[in-house]
Amino acid sequence: MLREKVTFSRITQTQNAVTGDLVNVSAVYYSPQGAEVKEISPSVDVIAQQGNISMLIEVKIRYNPEVAIINGDKINWRGFTFNALAPKVDAFRTFITIKAFSEIETTLRTI
């Protein structure tokens, strides 16, 4: 069931009007009506290869042909920010499944 609220944001570079420097700006570009989010346990291979373990999630949303989700987009869920990785559209083009990872340093889930 698609009960969770998530937002998708993308970082773009813009020029600062005052100094002329390039700055990274994050802007929300998509807020689906609902999503299904599952926390995934990292495999033994991931634990052996990394010094710091990242939290892995799988997000399932309805397919919207007008919105392109790419690797590196940010997913905000329950106050945490995740990096989108490997978006996959199902064969019937009804759902998109996205794996995402984040470095969470706490087990606090009260948000």
N, C-alpha and C. Protein backbone atom coordinates (compact mmCIF):
# COMPACT_ATOMS: atom_id res chain seq x y z
N MET A 1 0.84 -1.18 0.00
CA MET A 1 0.00 0.00 0.00
C MET A 1 0.88 1.24 0.00
N LEU A 2 0.45 2.23 -0.71
CA LEU A 2 1.23 3.45 -0.86
C LEU A 2 0.80 4.47 0.19
N ARG A 3 1.34 4.32 1.40
CA ARG A 3 0.93 5.17 2.53
C ARG A 3 1.97 6.19 2.96
N GLU A 4 3.20 5.98 2.61
CA GLU A 4 4.28 6.85 3.06
C GLU A 4 4.36 8.12 2.21
N LYS A 5 4.85 9.19 2.81
CA LYS A 5 5.08 10.45 2.11
C LYS A 5 6.57 10.61 1.83
N VAL A 6 6.91 10.81 0.58
CA VAL A 6 8.30 11.06 0.19
C VAL A 6 8.32 12.26 -0.76
N THR A 7 9.47 12.92 -0.82
CA THR A 7 9.67 13.99 -1.80
C THR A 7 10.98 13.74 -2.51
N PHE A 8 11.02 14.12 -3.76
CA PHE A 8 12.21 13.98 -4.59
C PHE A 8 12.77 15.37 -4.86
N SER A 9 14.07 15.53 -4.64
CA SER A 9 14.71 16.82 -4.92
C SER A 9 15.98 16.57 -5.73
N ARG A 10 16.38 17.61 -6.43
CA ARG A 10 17.56 17.52 -7.29
C ARG A 10 18.44 18.73 -7.02
N ILE A 11 19.74 18.50 -6.99
CA ILE A 11 20.70 19.59 -6.75
C ILE A 11 21.14 20.15 -8.10
N THR A 12 21.02 21.44 -8.25
CA THR A 12 21.47 22.12 -9.46
C THR A 12 22.43 23.24 -9.08
N GLN A 13 23.28 23.61 -10.00
CA GLN A 13 24.22 24.70 -9.75
C GLN A 13 23.66 25.98 -10.35
N THR A 14 23.68 27.03 -9.53
CA THR A 14 23.28 28.35 -10.01
C THR A 14 24.36 29.35 -9.61
N GLN A 15 24.33 30.48 -10.23
CA GLN A 15 25.34 31.50 -9.95
C GLN A 15 24.80 32.47 -8.91
N ASN A 16 25.60 32.75 -7.90
CA ASN A 16 25.26 33.70 -6.87
C ASN A 16 25.23 35.09 -7.48
N ALA A 17 24.13 35.82 -7.27
CA ALA A 17 23.98 37.14 -7.87
C ALA A 17 24.96 38.16 -7.31
N VAL A 18 25.37 38.00 -6.06
CA VAL A 18 26.24 38.98 -5.43
C VAL A 18 27.71 38.71 -5.74
N THR A 19 28.16 37.48 -5.50
CA THR A 19 29.59 37.18 -5.64
C THR A 19 29.95 36.57 -6.99
N GLY A 20 28.98 36.01 -7.69
CA GLY A 20 29.25 35.37 -8.97
C GLY A 20 29.73 33.94 -8.84
N ASP A 21 29.85 33.43 -7.61
CA ASP A 21 30.28 32.05 -7.39
C ASP A 21 29.16 31.07 -7.73
N LEU A 22 29.55 29.86 -8.09
CA LEU A 22 28.56 28.81 -8.30
C LEU A 22 28.17 28.21 -6.96
N VAL A 23 26.89 28.05 -6.73
CA VAL A 23 26.38 27.46 -5.50
C VAL A 23 25.42 26.33 -5.85
N ASN A 24 25.42 25.30 -5.02
CA ASN A 24 24.51 24.18 -5.20
C ASN A 24 23.19 24.49 -4.51
N VAL A 25 22.09 24.32 -5.24
CA VAL A 25 20.77 24.59 -4.71
C VAL A 25 19.93 23.32 -4.85
N SER A 26 19.32 22.90 -3.76
CA SER A 26 18.45 21.73 -3.78
C SER A 26 17.01 22.20 -3.87
N ALA A 27 16.27 21.66 -4.84
CA ALA A 27 14.87 22.04 -5.02
C ALA A 27 14.01 20.80 -5.19
N VAL A 28 12.88 20.77 -4.52
CA VAL A 28 11.93 19.66 -4.65
C VAL A 28 11.28 19.75 -6.02
N TYR A 29 11.33 18.66 -6.77
CA TYR A 29 10.72 18.67 -8.09
C TYR A 29 9.56 17.69 -8.21
N TYR A 30 9.37 16.80 -7.22
CA TYR A 30 8.27 15.83 -7.31
C TYR A 30 7.87 15.37 -5.93
N SER A 31 6.58 15.38 -5.67
CA SER A 31 6.01 14.86 -4.42
C SER A 31 4.85 13.94 -4.77
N PRO A 32 5.12 12.63 -4.90
CA PRO A 32 4.03 11.72 -5.25
C PRO A 32 2.99 11.65 -4.14
N GLN A 33 1.78 11.24 -4.50
CA GLN A 33 0.70 11.19 -3.51
C GLN A 33 0.96 10.15 -2.43
N GLY A 34 1.67 9.10 -2.76
CA GLY A 34 1.98 8.07 -1.78
C GLY A 34 3.11 7.19 -2.26
N ALA A 35 3.73 6.49 -1.33
CA ALA A 35 4.82 5.59 -1.65
C ALA A 35 4.83 4.43 -0.67
N GLU A 36 5.43 3.36 -1.09
CA GLU A 36 5.69 2.23 -0.20
C GLU A 36 7.19 2.19 0.03
N VAL A 37 7.59 2.24 1.29
CA VAL A 37 9.02 2.28 1.62
C VAL A 37 9.35 1.10 2.53
N LYS A 38 10.38 0.36 2.16
CA LYS A 38 10.87 -0.76 2.96
C LYS A 38 12.32 -0.54 3.31
N GLU A 39 12.68 -0.78 4.56
CA GLU A 39 14.09 -0.73 4.95
C GLU A 39 14.70 -2.09 4.65
N ILE A 40 15.85 -2.08 4.00
CA ILE A 40 16.51 -3.31 3.58
C ILE A 40 17.78 -3.48 4.40
N SER A 41 18.01 -4.70 4.88
CA SER A 41 19.25 -4.98 5.60
C SER A 41 20.38 -5.12 4.60
N PRO A 42 21.54 -4.53 4.89
CA PRO A 42 22.68 -4.68 3.97
C PRO A 42 23.19 -6.12 3.97
N SER A 43 23.66 -6.57 2.82
CA SER A 43 24.18 -7.93 2.72
C SER A 43 25.55 -8.02 3.39
N VAL A 44 26.02 -9.23 3.57
CA VAL A 44 27.33 -9.46 4.20
C VAL A 44 28.43 -8.85 3.34
N ASP A 45 28.29 -8.87 2.02
CA ASP A 45 29.30 -8.28 1.13
C ASP A 45 29.42 -6.78 1.35
N VAL A 46 28.27 -6.11 1.51
CA VAL A 46 28.29 -4.66 1.74
C VAL A 46 28.95 -4.35 3.07
N ILE A 47 28.67 -5.14 4.08
CA ILE A 47 29.26 -4.92 5.40
C ILE A 47 30.78 -5.12 5.35
N ALA A 48 31.24 -6.12 4.60
CA ALA A 48 32.68 -6.40 4.51
C ALA A 48 33.43 -5.33 3.73
N GLN A 49 32.78 -4.69 2.76
CA GLN A 49 33.46 -3.73 1.89
C GLN A 49 33.49 -2.32 2.44
N GLN A 50 32.57 -1.97 3.30
CA GLN A 50 32.47 -0.58 3.75
C GLN A 50 32.86 -0.44 5.20
N GLY A 51 33.51 0.68 5.50
CA GLY A 51 33.82 1.00 6.88
C GLY A 51 32.59 1.52 7.61
N ASN A 52 31.78 2.30 6.91
CA ASN A 52 30.55 2.82 7.51
C ASN A 52 29.37 2.21 6.75
N ILE A 53 28.43 1.67 7.47
CA ILE A 53 27.29 1.00 6.87
C ILE A 53 26.20 2.02 6.56
N SER A 54 25.70 1.96 5.35
CA SER A 54 24.64 2.87 4.94
C SER A 54 23.30 2.17 5.09
N MET A 55 22.29 2.94 5.44
CA MET A 55 20.94 2.43 5.50
C MET A 55 20.43 2.30 4.08
N LEU A 56 19.83 1.18 3.76
CA LEU A 56 19.29 0.95 2.43
C LEU A 56 17.77 0.91 2.50
N ILE A 57 17.11 1.56 1.55
CA ILE A 57 15.66 1.50 1.46
C ILE A 57 15.26 1.19 0.03
N GLU A 58 14.03 0.71 -0.10
CA GLU A 58 13.44 0.49 -1.41
C GLU A 58 12.13 1.26 -1.46
N VAL A 59 12.01 2.17 -2.42
CA VAL A 59 10.84 3.03 -2.55
C VAL A 59 10.06 2.60 -3.78
N LYS A 60 8.75 2.42 -3.62
CA LYS A 60 7.89 2.06 -4.74
C LYS A 60 6.83 3.14 -4.89
N ILE A 61 6.77 3.76 -6.08
CA ILE A 61 5.79 4.80 -6.36
C ILE A 61 5.10 4.49 -7.68
N ARG A 62 3.98 5.15 -7.92
CA ARG A 62 3.30 5.00 -9.20
C ARG A 62 4.12 5.67 -10.30
N TYR A 63 4.10 5.07 -11.47
CA TYR A 63 4.84 5.58 -12.62
C TYR A 63 4.17 6.84 -13.14
N ASN A 64 4.97 7.88 -13.35
CA ASN A 64 4.50 9.12 -13.94
C ASN A 64 5.42 9.43 -15.11
N PRO A 65 4.92 9.32 -16.37
CA PRO A 65 5.80 9.52 -17.52
C PRO A 65 6.34 10.94 -17.66
N GLU A 66 5.75 11.91 -16.95
CA GLU A 66 6.18 13.29 -17.04
C GLU A 66 7.34 13.61 -16.11
N VAL A 67 7.68 12.68 -15.21
CA VAL A 67 8.74 12.91 -14.22
C VAL A 67 9.86 11.91 -14.44
N ALA A 68 11.06 12.41 -14.65
CA ALA A 68 12.23 11.55 -14.83
C ALA A 68 13.03 11.53 -13.53
N ILE A 69 13.19 10.36 -12.96
CA ILE A 69 13.99 10.19 -11.75
C ILE A 69 15.34 9.62 -12.18
N ILE A 70 16.42 10.26 -11.75
CA ILE A 70 17.76 9.83 -12.17
C ILE A 70 18.59 9.46 -10.95
N ASN A 71 19.67 8.71 -11.19
CA ASN A 71 20.60 8.38 -10.12
C ASN A 71 21.16 9.66 -9.51
N GLY A 72 21.24 9.69 -8.20
CA GLY A 72 21.78 10.85 -7.51
C GLY A 72 20.73 11.81 -7.00
N ASP A 73 19.47 11.65 -7.41
CA ASP A 73 18.41 12.49 -6.86
C ASP A 73 18.27 12.20 -5.37
N LYS A 74 17.79 13.16 -4.64
CA LYS A 74 17.62 13.02 -3.19
C LYS A 74 16.17 12.64 -2.89
N ILE A 75 15.99 11.67 -2.00
CA ILE A 75 14.67 11.26 -1.54
C ILE A 75 14.57 11.60 -0.07
N ASN A 76 13.59 12.38 0.31
CA ASN A 76 13.36 12.72 1.72
C ASN A 76 12.22 11.86 2.25
N TRP A 77 12.49 11.14 3.33
CA TRP A 77 11.51 10.24 3.94
C TRP A 77 11.69 10.27 5.45
N ARG A 78 10.64 10.66 6.15
CA ARG A 78 10.63 10.71 7.62
C ARG A 78 11.81 11.51 8.19
N GLY A 79 12.17 12.59 7.53
CA GLY A 79 13.23 13.45 8.02
C GLY A 79 14.63 13.03 7.62
N PHE A 80 14.77 11.93 6.92
CA PHE A 80 16.07 11.45 6.47
C PHE A 80 16.21 11.71 4.98
N THR A 81 17.43 11.91 4.53
CA THR A 81 17.70 12.13 3.11
C THR A 81 18.47 10.94 2.57
N PHE A 82 17.98 10.42 1.46
CA PHE A 82 18.57 9.26 0.80
C PHE A 82 18.98 9.63 -0.60
N ASN A 83 19.99 8.94 -1.14
CA ASN A 83 20.43 9.13 -2.51
C ASN A 83 19.84 8.04 -3.38
N ALA A 84 19.12 8.43 -4.42
CA ALA A 84 18.47 7.47 -5.31
C ALA A 84 19.52 6.70 -6.10
N LEU A 85 19.28 5.42 -6.25
CA LEU A 85 20.18 4.55 -6.98
C LEU A 85 19.35 3.50 -7.70
N ALA A 86 19.56 3.33 -8.96
CA ALA A 86 18.96 2.28 -9.78
C ALA A 86 17.43 2.33 -9.81
N PRO A 87 16.84 3.40 -10.38
CA PRO A 87 15.39 3.39 -10.57
C PRO A 87 15.01 2.38 -11.65
N LYS A 88 13.93 1.64 -11.40
CA LYS A 88 13.51 0.59 -12.33
C LYS A 88 12.00 0.67 -12.53
N VAL A 89 11.58 0.75 -13.80
CA VAL A 89 10.16 0.79 -14.15
C VAL A 89 9.72 -0.63 -14.44
N ASP A 90 8.54 -1.03 -13.91
CA ASP A 90 8.06 -2.39 -14.17
C ASP A 90 7.59 -2.53 -15.61
N ALA A 91 7.35 -3.77 -16.04
CA ALA A 91 7.03 -4.06 -17.44
C ALA A 91 5.73 -3.41 -17.91
N PHE A 92 4.77 -3.23 -17.00
CA PHE A 92 3.48 -2.64 -17.37
C PHE A 92 3.45 -1.12 -17.22
N ARG A 93 4.57 -0.54 -16.81
CA ARG A 93 4.69 0.91 -16.59
C ARG A 93 3.64 1.43 -15.61
N THR A 94 3.47 0.71 -14.52
CA THR A 94 2.55 1.15 -13.48
C THR A 94 3.29 1.63 -12.23
N PHE A 95 4.45 1.05 -11.95
CA PHE A 95 5.20 1.41 -10.76
C PHE A 95 6.67 1.60 -11.08
N ILE A 96 7.34 2.41 -10.25
CA ILE A 96 8.79 2.58 -10.29
C ILE A 96 9.33 2.11 -8.95
N THR A 97 10.35 1.28 -8.97
CA THR A 97 11.02 0.85 -7.76
C THR A 97 12.41 1.46 -7.75
N ILE A 98 12.74 2.12 -6.64
CA ILE A 98 14.02 2.82 -6.53
C ILE A 98 14.72 2.34 -5.27
N LYS A 99 15.95 1.93 -5.42
CA LYS A 99 16.76 1.63 -4.25
C LYS A 99 17.51 2.91 -3.89
N ALA A 100 17.68 3.15 -2.61
CA ALA A 100 18.34 4.37 -2.16
C ALA A 100 19.16 4.07 -0.91
N PHE A 101 20.20 4.86 -0.70
CA PHE A 101 21.05 4.65 0.46
C PHE A 101 21.32 5.96 1.18
N SER A 102 21.62 5.85 2.46
CA SER A 102 21.95 7.01 3.27
C SER A 102 22.86 6.59 4.39
N GLU A 103 23.66 7.52 4.86
CA GLU A 103 24.49 7.26 6.02
C GLU A 103 23.74 7.78 7.23
N ILE A 104 23.15 6.87 7.96
CA ILE A 104 22.41 7.24 9.17
C ILE A 104 23.25 6.86 10.37
N GLU A 105 23.48 7.83 11.21
CA GLU A 105 24.34 7.59 12.37
C GLU A 105 23.54 7.33 13.63
N THR A 106 22.24 7.19 13.51
CA THR A 106 21.42 6.97 14.68
C THR A 106 20.32 5.96 14.37
N THR A 107 19.81 5.35 15.39
CA THR A 107 18.69 4.44 15.22
C THR A 107 17.38 5.09 15.60
N LEU A 108 17.41 6.39 15.86
CA LEU A 108 16.22 7.14 16.26
C LEU A 108 15.21 7.18 15.12
N ARG A 109 13.99 6.73 15.37
CA ARG A 109 12.95 6.68 14.35
C ARG A 109 11.66 7.36 14.84
N THR A 110 11.79 8.42 15.62
CA THR A 110 10.61 9.08 16.17
C THR A 110 10.09 10.18 15.27
N ILE A 111 10.78 10.50 14.20
CA ILE A 111 10.38 11.58 13.31
C ILE A 111 9.18 11.17 12.50
